[in-house]
Amino acid sequence: MNAEFVFCGRGDLIVSKPEKMKVYEEVLNEIRDFIEENDLSPGDKLPSERELTEHLGAGRSSVREALRAIELLGLIETRRGEGTFLKMYQPYHTVELLSSFILRDSNTKQDIVFSKRVIEKEAAKLAYSHLSDEERTELMQVLDNDQLTAEQFHYQFFLIIFNSGENFLLQKIWHLLNDFSYAVENVSYNKQFYHLLVHIYMDGKYEDIETLFSSLQREAISEAE
């Protein structure tokens, strides 16, 4: 949704900011607050350069440089003649840059796989009380899709779970670890795992989520030995 908005700041409350705070930090904070207050999604429009300049009392060139720095991080995008928009963070460039260095260490590889599994477990728990009937149906559709590769299957399955949990930061970390794990080993689990997780959701047995993921860890240790 690319709806227009009225940038109201913080109402009548005047908040003094430390003089030494960098302008880009102020801009980032304003964007973050605006996203939270308006429940924005990737593709939604953000405050303009002019509006940020007026609200922060900063120089327009400083605000422009701050927006450029944030854009380079992959958090926003500026469309000529349209404005600034929230962007779905894509960590692929970061992965390409760092993978040749950090993936040389075998311990690092193990840490990535383990960390990704831990985050997926917590996301599965978080989604337990948030999954809608529509999302349950989407999970079943992924299970029934024989056209997906193992990587595609795993990604689509857990993307539904992460979206349901509505933890934006957790999802971003998972995206990054998931991309790194492609260079490490097969990122998917055995097919039975996914079916069992869906049945846990259907049967309402929250405590079985921990047991299910623990079985993955035991399998990993057995394979390592």
N, C-alpha and C. Protein backbone atom coordinates (compact mmCIF):
# COMPACT_ATOMS: atom_id res chain seq x y z
N MET A 1 0.85 -1.18 0.00
CA MET A 1 0.00 0.00 0.00
C MET A 1 0.88 1.23 0.00
N ASN A 2 0.74 2.10 -0.95
CA ASN A 2 1.56 3.30 -1.05
C ASN A 2 0.73 4.55 -0.74
N ALA A 3 0.05 4.54 0.41
CA ALA A 3 -0.86 5.63 0.74
C ALA A 3 -0.10 6.88 1.15
N GLU A 4 -0.69 8.04 0.88
CA GLU A 4 -0.12 9.29 1.34
C GLU A 4 -0.38 9.41 2.84
N PHE A 5 0.31 10.37 3.51
CA PHE A 5 0.16 10.48 4.94
C PHE A 5 0.35 11.93 5.34
N VAL A 6 -0.01 12.22 6.61
CA VAL A 6 0.26 13.51 7.22
C VAL A 6 1.26 13.26 8.32
N PHE A 7 2.44 13.85 8.20
CA PHE A 7 3.51 13.60 9.16
C PHE A 7 3.31 14.52 10.35
N CYS A 8 2.88 13.96 11.48
CA CYS A 8 2.49 14.76 12.63
C CYS A 8 3.55 14.81 13.73
N GLY A 9 4.63 14.07 13.56
CA GLY A 9 5.67 14.09 14.57
C GLY A 9 5.19 13.49 15.87
N ARG A 10 5.45 14.16 17.01
CA ARG A 10 5.06 13.65 18.32
C ARG A 10 4.00 14.54 18.98
N GLY A 11 3.11 15.08 18.21
CA GLY A 11 2.03 15.90 18.77
C GLY A 11 2.58 17.17 19.37
N ASP A 12 2.07 17.53 20.59
CA ASP A 12 2.49 18.76 21.24
C ASP A 12 3.74 18.56 22.09
N LEU A 13 4.20 17.32 22.22
CA LEU A 13 5.37 17.05 23.05
C LEU A 13 6.64 17.43 22.30
N ILE A 14 7.44 18.26 22.87
CA ILE A 14 8.71 18.65 22.26
C ILE A 14 9.82 17.87 22.93
N VAL A 15 10.52 17.10 22.17
CA VAL A 15 11.59 16.26 22.70
C VAL A 15 12.93 16.86 22.34
N SER A 16 13.73 17.16 23.33
CA SER A 16 15.06 17.71 23.06
C SER A 16 16.01 16.56 22.75
N LYS A 17 16.82 16.74 21.74
CA LYS A 17 17.76 15.71 21.32
C LYS A 17 19.17 16.17 21.63
N PRO A 18 20.04 15.25 22.04
CA PRO A 18 21.44 15.63 22.29
C PRO A 18 22.03 16.30 21.06
N GLU A 19 22.75 17.40 21.28
CA GLU A 19 23.28 18.17 20.15
C GLU A 19 24.27 17.36 19.33
N LYS A 20 24.95 16.42 19.98
CA LYS A 20 25.98 15.68 19.28
C LYS A 20 25.45 14.45 18.55
N MET A 21 24.14 14.19 18.72
CA MET A 21 23.59 13.04 18.01
C MET A 21 23.69 13.27 16.51
N LYS A 22 24.17 12.30 15.80
CA LYS A 22 24.34 12.45 14.37
C LYS A 22 22.98 12.56 13.69
N VAL A 23 22.95 13.35 12.63
CA VAL A 23 21.69 13.56 11.93
C VAL A 23 21.11 12.26 11.41
N TYR A 24 21.97 11.37 10.92
CA TYR A 24 21.43 10.13 10.35
C TYR A 24 20.76 9.29 11.43
N GLU A 25 21.22 9.39 12.70
CA GLU A 25 20.58 8.67 13.79
C GLU A 25 19.20 9.25 14.07
N GLU A 26 19.10 10.58 13.98
CA GLU A 26 17.82 11.23 14.19
C GLU A 26 16.84 10.83 13.09
N VAL A 27 17.34 10.84 11.86
CA VAL A 27 16.49 10.46 10.73
C VAL A 27 16.04 9.01 10.88
N LEU A 28 16.97 8.14 11.23
CA LEU A 28 16.64 6.73 11.40
C LEU A 28 15.60 6.54 12.51
N ASN A 29 15.75 7.28 13.60
CA ASN A 29 14.79 7.20 14.69
C ASN A 29 13.41 7.68 14.27
N GLU A 30 13.38 8.77 13.49
CA GLU A 30 12.09 9.29 13.02
C GLU A 30 11.40 8.29 12.10
N ILE A 31 12.18 7.67 11.21
CA ILE A 31 11.61 6.68 10.30
C ILE A 31 11.10 5.48 11.09
N ARG A 32 11.90 5.03 12.06
CA ARG A 32 11.49 3.90 12.89
C ARG A 32 10.19 4.21 13.63
N ASP A 33 10.11 5.40 14.25
CA ASP A 33 8.89 5.78 14.97
C ASP A 33 7.69 5.84 14.04
N PHE A 34 7.91 6.40 12.84
CA PHE A 34 6.81 6.53 11.89
C PHE A 34 6.32 5.16 11.44
N ILE A 35 7.25 4.22 11.23
CA ILE A 35 6.87 2.86 10.83
C ILE A 35 6.04 2.20 11.92
N GLU A 36 6.47 2.35 13.19
CA GLU A 36 5.76 1.72 14.29
C GLU A 36 4.39 2.34 14.50
N GLU A 37 4.31 3.67 14.43
CA GLU A 37 3.05 4.36 14.68
C GLU A 37 2.02 4.10 13.59
N ASN A 38 2.48 3.86 12.37
CA ASN A 38 1.57 3.69 11.24
C ASN A 38 1.50 2.26 10.72
N ASP A 39 2.20 1.34 11.42
CA ASP A 39 2.16 -0.08 11.07
C ASP A 39 2.44 -0.29 9.58
N LEU A 40 3.56 0.26 9.11
CA LEU A 40 3.89 0.20 7.69
C LEU A 40 4.48 -1.14 7.29
N SER A 41 4.37 -1.43 6.01
CA SER A 41 4.94 -2.63 5.41
C SER A 41 5.86 -2.20 4.28
N PRO A 42 6.75 -3.10 3.82
CA PRO A 42 7.60 -2.76 2.68
C PRO A 42 6.78 -2.25 1.51
N GLY A 43 7.22 -1.12 0.92
CA GLY A 43 6.50 -0.52 -0.18
C GLY A 43 5.70 0.70 0.23
N ASP A 44 5.47 0.88 1.55
CA ASP A 44 4.72 2.04 2.02
C ASP A 44 5.61 3.28 2.03
N LYS A 45 4.98 4.43 1.86
CA LYS A 45 5.71 5.69 1.74
C LYS A 45 6.11 6.22 3.11
N LEU A 46 7.30 6.83 3.16
CA LEU A 46 7.86 7.39 4.38
C LEU A 46 7.88 8.92 4.31
N PRO A 47 8.18 9.58 5.44
CA PRO A 47 8.29 11.04 5.41
C PRO A 47 9.29 11.51 4.36
N SER A 48 8.99 12.61 3.73
CA SER A 48 9.87 13.13 2.68
C SER A 48 11.08 13.82 3.28
N GLU A 49 12.05 14.09 2.43
CA GLU A 49 13.25 14.80 2.84
C GLU A 49 12.89 16.15 3.44
N ARG A 50 11.94 16.85 2.81
CA ARG A 50 11.53 18.18 3.30
C ARG A 50 10.88 18.07 4.67
N GLU A 51 9.99 17.08 4.84
CA GLU A 51 9.29 16.92 6.11
C GLU A 51 10.26 16.57 7.24
N LEU A 52 11.22 15.71 6.95
CA LEU A 52 12.22 15.36 7.96
C LEU A 52 13.07 16.58 8.32
N THR A 53 13.43 17.35 7.31
CA THR A 53 14.25 18.55 7.54
C THR A 53 13.53 19.52 8.47
N GLU A 54 12.24 19.75 8.19
CA GLU A 54 11.46 20.69 9.01
C GLU A 54 11.26 20.15 10.42
N HIS A 55 10.98 18.86 10.53
CA HIS A 55 10.68 18.29 11.84
C HIS A 55 11.92 18.22 12.73
N LEU A 56 13.07 17.92 12.14
CA LEU A 56 14.30 17.77 12.91
C LEU A 56 15.04 19.08 13.12
N GLY A 57 14.72 20.06 12.29
CA GLY A 57 15.44 21.32 12.38
C GLY A 57 16.88 21.17 11.92
N ALA A 58 17.10 20.24 11.01
CA ALA A 58 18.46 19.98 10.51
C ALA A 58 18.61 20.54 9.11
N GLY A 59 19.84 20.64 8.65
CA GLY A 59 20.09 21.11 7.30
C GLY A 59 19.62 20.08 6.28
N ARG A 60 19.09 20.55 5.17
CA ARG A 60 18.55 19.63 4.17
C ARG A 60 19.63 18.73 3.59
N SER A 61 20.84 19.26 3.43
CA SER A 61 21.92 18.45 2.88
C SER A 61 22.28 17.33 3.85
N SER A 62 22.23 17.63 5.14
CA SER A 62 22.54 16.60 6.14
C SER A 62 21.49 15.50 6.13
N VAL A 63 20.23 15.89 6.01
CA VAL A 63 19.15 14.90 5.96
C VAL A 63 19.28 14.06 4.70
N ARG A 64 19.63 14.72 3.58
CA ARG A 64 19.79 14.00 2.32
C ARG A 64 20.91 12.95 2.44
N GLU A 65 22.02 13.33 3.07
CA GLU A 65 23.12 12.40 3.26
C GLU A 65 22.71 11.25 4.18
N ALA A 66 21.92 11.56 5.20
CA ALA A 66 21.45 10.53 6.13
C ALA A 66 20.56 9.52 5.42
N LEU A 67 19.65 10.02 4.60
CA LEU A 67 18.76 9.14 3.85
C LEU A 67 19.56 8.27 2.89
N ARG A 68 20.58 8.85 2.30
CA ARG A 68 21.43 8.08 1.39
C ARG A 68 22.14 6.95 2.13
N ALA A 69 22.63 7.24 3.35
CA ALA A 69 23.32 6.22 4.15
C ALA A 69 22.37 5.09 4.51
N ILE A 70 21.14 5.44 4.89
CA ILE A 70 20.15 4.43 5.26
C ILE A 70 19.74 3.62 4.04
N GLU A 71 19.70 4.29 2.88
CA GLU A 71 19.35 3.58 1.64
C GLU A 71 20.43 2.56 1.29
N LEU A 72 21.68 2.90 1.54
CA LEU A 72 22.78 1.99 1.26
C LEU A 72 22.72 0.74 2.15
N LEU A 73 22.08 0.88 3.31
CA LEU A 73 21.90 -0.27 4.20
C LEU A 73 20.80 -1.20 3.71
N GLY A 74 20.06 -0.74 2.69
CA GLY A 74 19.00 -1.57 2.14
C GLY A 74 17.69 -1.47 2.88
N LEU A 75 17.52 -0.41 3.72
CA LEU A 75 16.31 -0.28 4.52
C LEU A 75 15.22 0.54 3.84
N ILE A 76 15.63 1.45 2.97
CA ILE A 76 14.67 2.29 2.26
C ILE A 76 15.10 2.41 0.80
N GLU A 77 14.21 2.93 -0.03
CA GLU A 77 14.57 3.22 -1.41
C GLU A 77 13.92 4.54 -1.81
N THR A 78 14.65 5.32 -2.61
CA THR A 78 14.15 6.59 -3.08
C THR A 78 13.81 6.48 -4.55
N ARG A 79 12.58 6.81 -4.89
CA ARG A 79 12.13 6.76 -6.28
C ARG A 79 12.00 8.20 -6.79
N ARG A 80 12.70 8.49 -7.85
CA ARG A 80 12.71 9.84 -8.39
C ARG A 80 11.29 10.30 -8.72
N GLY A 81 10.93 11.44 -8.17
CA GLY A 81 9.62 12.01 -8.45
C GLY A 81 8.50 11.42 -7.63
N GLU A 82 8.78 10.41 -6.82
CA GLU A 82 7.73 9.76 -6.02
C GLU A 82 7.94 9.92 -4.53
N GLY A 83 9.19 9.76 -4.07
CA GLY A 83 9.45 9.89 -2.64
C GLY A 83 10.29 8.75 -2.10
N THR A 84 10.25 8.59 -0.78
CA THR A 84 11.03 7.57 -0.09
C THR A 84 10.10 6.48 0.42
N PHE A 85 10.50 5.23 0.23
CA PHE A 85 9.64 4.10 0.57
C PHE A 85 10.39 3.07 1.41
N LEU A 86 9.65 2.42 2.28
CA LEU A 86 10.20 1.34 3.09
C LEU A 86 10.50 0.15 2.19
N LYS A 87 11.65 -0.46 2.40
CA LYS A 87 12.10 -1.53 1.53
C LYS A 87 12.25 -2.83 2.31
N MET A 88 11.92 -3.94 1.65
CA MET A 88 12.17 -5.24 2.24
C MET A 88 13.67 -5.49 2.22
N TYR A 89 14.25 -5.63 3.40
CA TYR A 89 15.70 -5.77 3.48
C TYR A 89 16.16 -7.04 2.80
N GLN A 90 17.14 -6.91 1.92
CA GLN A 90 17.71 -8.05 1.21
C GLN A 90 19.19 -8.17 1.58
N PRO A 91 19.55 -9.17 2.34
CA PRO A 91 20.92 -9.26 2.84
C PRO A 91 21.89 -9.92 1.87
N TYR A 92 21.47 -10.15 0.62
CA TYR A 92 22.30 -10.93 -0.28
C TYR A 92 23.67 -10.31 -0.54
N HIS A 93 23.73 -8.99 -0.68
CA HIS A 93 25.02 -8.35 -0.93
C HIS A 93 25.95 -8.55 0.26
N THR A 94 25.40 -8.48 1.47
CA THR A 94 26.19 -8.70 2.66
C THR A 94 26.72 -10.12 2.67
N VAL A 95 25.89 -11.06 2.29
CA VAL A 95 26.28 -12.46 2.27
C VAL A 95 27.42 -12.67 1.28
N GLU A 96 27.29 -12.11 0.10
CA GLU A 96 28.32 -12.28 -0.92
C GLU A 96 29.66 -11.70 -0.45
N LEU A 97 29.59 -10.60 0.27
CA LEU A 97 30.80 -9.93 0.71
C LEU A 97 31.50 -10.69 1.83
N LEU A 98 30.74 -11.24 2.77
CA LEU A 98 31.31 -11.84 3.97
C LEU A 98 31.51 -13.34 3.91
N SER A 99 30.74 -14.02 3.07
CA SER A 99 30.77 -15.48 3.09
C SER A 99 32.15 -16.06 2.79
N SER A 100 32.90 -15.41 1.89
CA SER A 100 34.22 -15.93 1.53
C SER A 100 35.20 -15.87 2.70
N PHE A 101 34.85 -15.05 3.72
CA PHE A 101 35.74 -14.93 4.88
C PHE A 101 35.26 -15.79 6.05
N ILE A 102 34.04 -15.60 6.48
CA ILE A 102 33.59 -16.25 7.71
C ILE A 102 33.30 -17.73 7.52
N LEU A 103 32.99 -18.16 6.30
CA LEU A 103 32.64 -19.56 6.10
C LEU A 103 33.86 -20.46 5.94
N ARG A 104 35.05 -19.88 6.06
CA ARG A 104 36.26 -20.70 6.00
C ARG A 104 36.45 -21.48 7.30
N ASP A 105 35.89 -20.98 8.38
CA ASP A 105 36.05 -21.61 9.68
C ASP A 105 34.93 -22.61 9.91
N SER A 106 35.30 -23.86 10.20
CA SER A 106 34.28 -24.90 10.37
C SER A 106 33.39 -24.63 11.57
N ASN A 107 33.94 -24.03 12.64
CA ASN A 107 33.13 -23.70 13.81
C ASN A 107 32.08 -22.65 13.47
N THR A 108 32.46 -21.71 12.61
CA THR A 108 31.51 -20.68 12.19
C THR A 108 30.37 -21.30 11.42
N LYS A 109 30.68 -22.25 10.57
CA LYS A 109 29.64 -22.93 9.80
C LYS A 109 28.65 -23.61 10.73
N GLN A 110 29.16 -24.29 11.74
CA GLN A 110 28.29 -24.97 12.69
C GLN A 110 27.45 -23.97 13.48
N ASP A 111 28.07 -22.84 13.83
CA ASP A 111 27.35 -21.81 14.57
C ASP A 111 26.18 -21.25 13.77
N ILE A 112 26.39 -21.06 12.47
CA ILE A 112 25.34 -20.53 11.61
C ILE A 112 24.15 -21.48 11.55
N VAL A 113 24.44 -22.76 11.32
CA VAL A 113 23.37 -23.76 11.24
C VAL A 113 22.64 -23.86 12.56
N PHE A 114 23.39 -23.89 13.66
CA PHE A 114 22.77 -24.01 14.99
C PHE A 114 21.91 -22.78 15.30
N SER A 115 22.45 -21.59 15.02
CA SER A 115 21.72 -20.35 15.32
C SER A 115 20.44 -20.26 14.50
N LYS A 116 20.52 -20.67 13.24
CA LYS A 116 19.33 -20.63 12.40
C LYS A 116 18.25 -21.57 12.96
N ARG A 117 18.67 -22.73 13.43
CA ARG A 117 17.72 -23.70 13.98
C ARG A 117 17.07 -23.16 15.24
N VAL A 118 17.85 -22.48 16.08
CA VAL A 118 17.32 -21.91 17.32
C VAL A 118 16.27 -20.84 17.00
N ILE A 119 16.59 -19.99 16.02
CA ILE A 119 15.66 -18.92 15.65
C ILE A 119 14.38 -19.50 15.05
N GLU A 120 14.51 -20.54 14.25
CA GLU A 120 13.33 -21.18 13.67
C GLU A 120 12.46 -21.80 14.75
N LYS A 121 13.10 -22.35 15.76
CA LYS A 121 12.33 -22.94 16.87
C LYS A 121 11.55 -21.85 17.61
N GLU A 122 12.21 -20.73 17.91
CA GLU A 122 11.52 -19.65 18.62
C GLU A 122 10.40 -19.05 17.77
N ALA A 123 10.64 -18.97 16.46
CA ALA A 123 9.60 -18.46 15.56
C ALA A 123 8.41 -19.41 15.53
N ALA A 124 8.68 -20.72 15.55
CA ALA A 124 7.61 -21.71 15.56
C ALA A 124 6.78 -21.59 16.83
N LYS A 125 7.44 -21.32 17.96
CA LYS A 125 6.72 -21.13 19.21
C LYS A 125 5.89 -19.84 19.18
N LEU A 126 6.50 -18.78 18.65
CA LEU A 126 5.81 -17.50 18.58
C LEU A 126 4.59 -17.58 17.68
N ALA A 127 4.70 -18.34 16.60
CA ALA A 127 3.59 -18.45 15.66
C ALA A 127 2.45 -19.30 16.21
N TYR A 128 2.73 -20.10 17.22
CA TYR A 128 1.74 -21.04 17.76
C TYR A 128 0.41 -20.36 18.08
N SER A 129 0.48 -19.20 18.73
CA SER A 129 -0.74 -18.51 19.14
C SER A 129 -1.17 -17.42 18.15
N HIS A 130 -0.44 -17.32 17.02
CA HIS A 130 -0.75 -16.27 16.05
C HIS A 130 -1.26 -16.80 14.71
N LEU A 131 -1.01 -18.06 14.42
CA LEU A 131 -1.38 -18.60 13.11
C LEU A 131 -2.88 -18.49 12.86
N SER A 132 -3.23 -17.89 11.74
CA SER A 132 -4.63 -17.80 11.35
C SER A 132 -5.02 -19.06 10.57
N ASP A 133 -6.31 -19.24 10.37
CA ASP A 133 -6.77 -20.38 9.57
C ASP A 133 -6.21 -20.32 8.16
N GLU A 134 -6.11 -19.11 7.63
CA GLU A 134 -5.57 -18.93 6.29
C GLU A 134 -4.11 -19.35 6.23
N GLU A 135 -3.34 -19.00 7.26
CA GLU A 135 -1.92 -19.37 7.29
C GLU A 135 -1.73 -20.87 7.49
N ARG A 136 -2.61 -21.49 8.25
CA ARG A 136 -2.55 -22.95 8.39
C ARG A 136 -2.79 -23.62 7.04
N THR A 137 -3.73 -23.04 6.30
CA THR A 137 -4.00 -23.58 4.96
C THR A 137 -2.80 -23.40 4.05
N GLU A 138 -2.12 -22.25 4.17
CA GLU A 138 -0.93 -21.99 3.35
C GLU A 138 0.17 -23.00 3.67
N LEU A 139 0.33 -23.34 4.94
CA LEU A 139 1.32 -24.35 5.33
C LEU A 139 1.00 -25.69 4.69
N MET A 140 -0.27 -26.04 4.69
CA MET A 140 -0.68 -27.31 4.08
C MET A 140 -0.42 -27.30 2.58
N GLN A 141 -0.63 -26.15 1.96
CA GLN A 141 -0.39 -26.03 0.52
C GLN A 141 1.09 -26.21 0.19
N VAL A 142 1.95 -25.70 1.05
CA VAL A 142 3.39 -25.89 0.84
C VAL A 142 3.73 -27.37 0.98
N LEU A 143 3.15 -28.03 1.98
CA LEU A 143 3.40 -29.45 2.18
C LEU A 143 2.99 -30.28 0.97
N ASP A 144 1.94 -29.83 0.29
CA ASP A 144 1.41 -30.58 -0.85
C ASP A 144 2.05 -30.22 -2.18
N ASN A 145 2.96 -29.23 -2.15
CA ASN A 145 3.58 -28.75 -3.39
C ASN A 145 4.83 -29.58 -3.70
N ASP A 146 4.74 -30.44 -4.69
CA ASP A 146 5.86 -31.30 -5.06
C ASP A 146 6.80 -30.65 -6.08
N GLN A 147 6.49 -29.43 -6.48
CA GLN A 147 7.28 -28.76 -7.50
C GLN A 147 8.44 -27.95 -6.91
N LEU A 148 8.47 -27.83 -5.59
CA LEU A 148 9.48 -27.01 -4.94
C LEU A 148 10.75 -27.82 -4.67
N THR A 149 11.89 -27.15 -4.79
CA THR A 149 13.15 -27.78 -4.36
C THR A 149 13.15 -27.80 -2.84
N ALA A 150 14.09 -28.53 -2.26
CA ALA A 150 14.17 -28.61 -0.80
C ALA A 150 14.39 -27.23 -0.19
N GLU A 151 15.23 -26.41 -0.82
CA GLU A 151 15.50 -25.07 -0.31
C GLU A 151 14.27 -24.19 -0.41
N GLN A 152 13.57 -24.25 -1.55
CA GLN A 152 12.36 -23.46 -1.74
C GLN A 152 11.28 -23.88 -0.75
N PHE A 153 11.16 -25.18 -0.56
CA PHE A 153 10.16 -25.71 0.36
C PHE A 153 10.40 -25.18 1.77
N HIS A 154 11.65 -25.30 2.23
CA HIS A 154 12.00 -24.86 3.58
C HIS A 154 11.74 -23.36 3.75
N TYR A 155 12.18 -22.59 2.75
CA TYR A 155 12.02 -21.13 2.83
C TYR A 155 10.55 -20.73 2.87
N GLN A 156 9.74 -21.26 2.00
CA GLN A 156 8.33 -20.88 1.95
C GLN A 156 7.59 -21.32 3.20
N PHE A 157 7.93 -22.50 3.70
CA PHE A 157 7.28 -23.01 4.90
C PHE A 157 7.54 -22.09 6.09
N PHE A 158 8.82 -21.78 6.32
CA PHE A 158 9.15 -20.97 7.48
C PHE A 158 8.83 -19.49 7.29
N LEU A 159 8.77 -19.04 6.06
CA LEU A 159 8.37 -17.65 5.82
C LEU A 159 6.95 -17.41 6.33
N ILE A 160 6.07 -18.38 6.14
CA ILE A 160 4.70 -18.27 6.65
C ILE A 160 4.72 -18.18 8.17
N ILE A 161 5.57 -18.99 8.79
CA ILE A 161 5.67 -19.01 10.25
C ILE A 161 6.21 -17.68 10.78
N PHE A 162 7.26 -17.17 10.15
CA PHE A 162 7.83 -15.90 10.59
C PHE A 162 6.86 -14.74 10.37
N ASN A 163 6.15 -14.74 9.25
CA ASN A 163 5.17 -13.69 9.00
C ASN A 163 4.06 -13.72 10.03
N SER A 164 3.68 -14.91 10.44
CA SER A 164 2.62 -15.04 11.43
C SER A 164 3.04 -14.48 12.78
N GLY A 165 4.31 -14.73 13.15
CA GLY A 165 4.80 -14.26 14.44
C GLY A 165 4.95 -12.76 14.53
N GLU A 166 5.06 -12.09 13.39
CA GLU A 166 5.10 -10.62 13.31
C GLU A 166 6.28 -10.02 14.08
N ASN A 167 7.40 -10.75 14.15
CA ASN A 167 8.61 -10.19 14.76
C ASN A 167 9.55 -9.83 13.62
N PHE A 168 9.55 -8.55 13.24
CA PHE A 168 10.28 -8.09 12.07
C PHE A 168 11.79 -8.33 12.21
N LEU A 169 12.34 -8.03 13.37
CA LEU A 169 13.78 -8.18 13.56
C LEU A 169 14.19 -9.65 13.50
N LEU A 170 13.44 -10.51 14.16
CA LEU A 170 13.75 -11.94 14.15
C LEU A 170 13.73 -12.48 12.72
N GLN A 171 12.78 -12.02 11.95
CA GLN A 171 12.68 -12.47 10.56
C GLN A 171 13.89 -12.02 9.74
N LYS A 172 14.36 -10.80 9.98
CA LYS A 172 15.52 -10.30 9.24
C LYS A 172 16.78 -11.09 9.57
N ILE A 173 16.94 -11.41 10.85
CA ILE A 173 18.10 -12.22 11.25
C ILE A 173 18.03 -13.59 10.61
N TRP A 174 16.83 -14.15 10.57
CA TRP A 174 16.65 -15.46 9.95
C TRP A 174 16.98 -15.42 8.46
N HIS A 175 16.53 -14.38 7.78
CA HIS A 175 16.84 -14.24 6.35
C HIS A 175 18.35 -14.28 6.13
N LEU A 176 19.08 -13.55 6.96
CA LEU A 176 20.52 -13.48 6.80
C LEU A 176 21.17 -14.84 7.06
N LEU A 177 20.79 -15.49 8.15
CA LEU A 177 21.35 -16.80 8.48
C LEU A 177 20.95 -17.84 7.45
N ASN A 178 19.74 -17.74 6.95
CA ASN A 178 19.26 -18.69 5.96
C ASN A 178 20.09 -18.59 4.68
N ASP A 179 20.41 -17.36 4.28
CA ASP A 179 21.23 -17.17 3.08
C ASP A 179 22.64 -17.70 3.28
N PHE A 180 23.21 -17.45 4.46
CA PHE A 180 24.53 -17.98 4.75
C PHE A 180 24.52 -19.50 4.76
N SER A 181 23.47 -20.09 5.28
CA SER A 181 23.43 -21.54 5.42
C SER A 181 23.40 -22.25 4.07
N TYR A 182 22.95 -21.56 3.02
CA TYR A 182 22.97 -22.17 1.68
C TYR A 182 24.40 -22.55 1.28
N ALA A 183 25.35 -21.79 1.79
CA ALA A 183 26.75 -22.06 1.44
C ALA A 183 27.39 -23.09 2.38
N VAL A 184 26.62 -23.55 3.36
CA VAL A 184 27.16 -24.46 4.36
C VAL A 184 26.71 -25.89 4.12
N GLU A 185 25.41 -26.08 4.06
CA GLU A 185 24.86 -27.42 3.90
C GLU A 185 23.40 -27.32 3.47
N ASN A 186 22.77 -28.46 3.34
CA ASN A 186 21.35 -28.49 3.00
C ASN A 186 20.55 -27.81 4.11
N VAL A 187 19.81 -26.76 3.77
CA VAL A 187 19.12 -25.99 4.80
C VAL A 187 17.80 -26.62 5.22
N SER A 188 17.35 -27.60 4.51
CA SER A 188 16.04 -28.18 4.81
C SER A 188 16.16 -29.31 5.82
N TYR A 189 14.99 -29.71 6.39
CA TYR A 189 14.93 -30.83 7.31
C TYR A 189 14.23 -31.99 6.59
N ASN A 190 14.17 -33.13 7.25
CA ASN A 190 13.45 -34.22 6.61
C ASN A 190 11.97 -33.88 6.52
N LYS A 191 11.31 -34.42 5.52
CA LYS A 191 9.93 -34.03 5.20
C LYS A 191 8.98 -34.28 6.38
N GLN A 192 9.27 -35.32 7.15
CA GLN A 192 8.40 -35.64 8.28
C GLN A 192 8.36 -34.50 9.30
N PHE A 193 9.48 -33.80 9.45
CA PHE A 193 9.55 -32.71 10.41
C PHE A 193 8.46 -31.67 10.15
N TYR A 194 8.32 -31.25 8.91
CA TYR A 194 7.36 -30.21 8.56
C TYR A 194 5.92 -30.68 8.82
N HIS A 195 5.64 -31.94 8.48
CA HIS A 195 4.31 -32.49 8.73
C HIS A 195 4.02 -32.54 10.23
N LEU A 196 5.01 -32.93 11.01
CA LEU A 196 4.81 -33.01 12.46
C LEU A 196 4.55 -31.63 13.06
N LEU A 197 5.26 -30.62 12.57
CA LEU A 197 5.07 -29.27 13.10
C LEU A 197 3.66 -28.77 12.80
N VAL A 198 3.18 -29.04 11.60
CA VAL A 198 1.81 -28.64 11.26
C VAL A 198 0.80 -29.36 12.15
N HIS A 199 1.03 -30.64 12.40
CA HIS A 199 0.12 -31.40 13.27
C HIS A 199 0.13 -30.86 14.70
N ILE A 200 1.30 -30.39 15.15
CA ILE A 200 1.37 -29.78 16.48
C ILE A 200 0.48 -28.55 16.55
N TYR A 201 0.52 -27.74 15.50
CA TYR A 201 -0.34 -26.57 15.45
C TYR A 201 -1.82 -26.97 15.42
N MET A 202 -2.12 -27.98 14.65
CA MET A 202 -3.51 -28.42 14.53
C MET A 202 -4.04 -29.03 15.84
N ASP A 203 -3.17 -29.78 16.53
CA ASP A 203 -3.59 -30.48 17.75
C ASP A 203 -3.47 -29.63 19.01
N GLY A 204 -2.83 -28.46 18.89
CA GLY A 204 -2.71 -27.58 20.04
C GLY A 204 -1.77 -28.09 21.11
N LYS A 205 -0.64 -28.67 20.71
CA LYS A 205 0.33 -29.21 21.67
C LYS A 205 1.61 -28.40 21.62
N TYR A 206 1.57 -27.27 22.27
CA TYR A 206 2.68 -26.32 22.24
C TYR A 206 3.99 -26.94 22.73
N GLU A 207 3.92 -27.73 23.80
CA GLU A 207 5.13 -28.28 24.40
C GLU A 207 5.88 -29.22 23.45
N ASP A 208 5.19 -29.74 22.44
CA ASP A 208 5.83 -30.67 21.50
C ASP A 208 6.76 -29.96 20.51
N ILE A 209 6.66 -28.63 20.43
CA ILE A 209 7.55 -27.89 19.53
C ILE A 209 8.99 -28.05 19.97
N GLU A 210 9.24 -27.90 21.28
CA GLU A 210 10.58 -28.05 21.82
C GLU A 210 11.11 -29.46 21.57
N THR A 211 10.26 -30.45 21.78
CA THR A 211 10.66 -31.84 21.57
C THR A 211 11.03 -32.10 20.12
N LEU A 212 10.23 -31.54 19.21
CA LEU A 212 10.46 -31.74 17.79
C LEU A 212 11.81 -31.16 17.36
N PHE A 213 12.12 -29.95 17.80
CA PHE A 213 13.39 -29.33 17.43
C PHE A 213 14.57 -30.00 18.14
N SER A 214 14.33 -30.52 19.33
CA SER A 214 15.40 -31.24 20.03
C SER A 214 15.80 -32.48 19.26
N SER A 215 14.83 -33.10 18.60
CA SER A 215 15.14 -34.29 17.80
C SER A 215 16.06 -33.93 16.63
N LEU A 216 15.90 -32.72 16.09
CA LEU A 216 16.80 -32.27 15.03
C LEU A 216 18.23 -32.16 15.53
N GLN A 217 18.38 -31.62 16.75
CA GLN A 217 19.71 -31.46 17.32
C GLN A 217 20.35 -32.83 17.58
N ARG A 218 19.56 -33.78 18.06
CA ARG A 218 20.11 -35.11 18.30
C ARG A 218 20.56 -35.77 16.99
N GLU A 219 19.78 -35.54 15.95
CA GLU A 219 20.14 -36.10 14.64
C GLU A 219 21.44 -35.47 14.14
N ALA A 220 21.59 -34.19 14.34
CA ALA A 220 22.80 -33.48 13.89
C ALA A 220 24.04 -34.00 14.63
N ILE A 221 23.89 -34.24 15.93
CA ILE A 221 25.01 -34.75 16.72
C ILE A 221 25.37 -36.16 16.27
N SER A 222 24.37 -36.98 16.00
CA SER A 222 24.62 -38.35 15.56
C SER A 222 25.35 -38.38 14.22
N GLU A 223 24.94 -37.48 13.31
CA GLU A 223 25.58 -37.42 12.02
C GLU A 223 27.03 -36.95 12.13
N ALA A 224 27.28 -36.03 13.06
CA ALA A 224 28.63 -35.50 13.26
C ALA A 224 29.57 -36.58 13.80
N GLU A 225 29.00 -37.48 14.61
CA GLU A 225 29.80 -38.54 15.19
C GLU A 225 30.04 -39.66 14.17
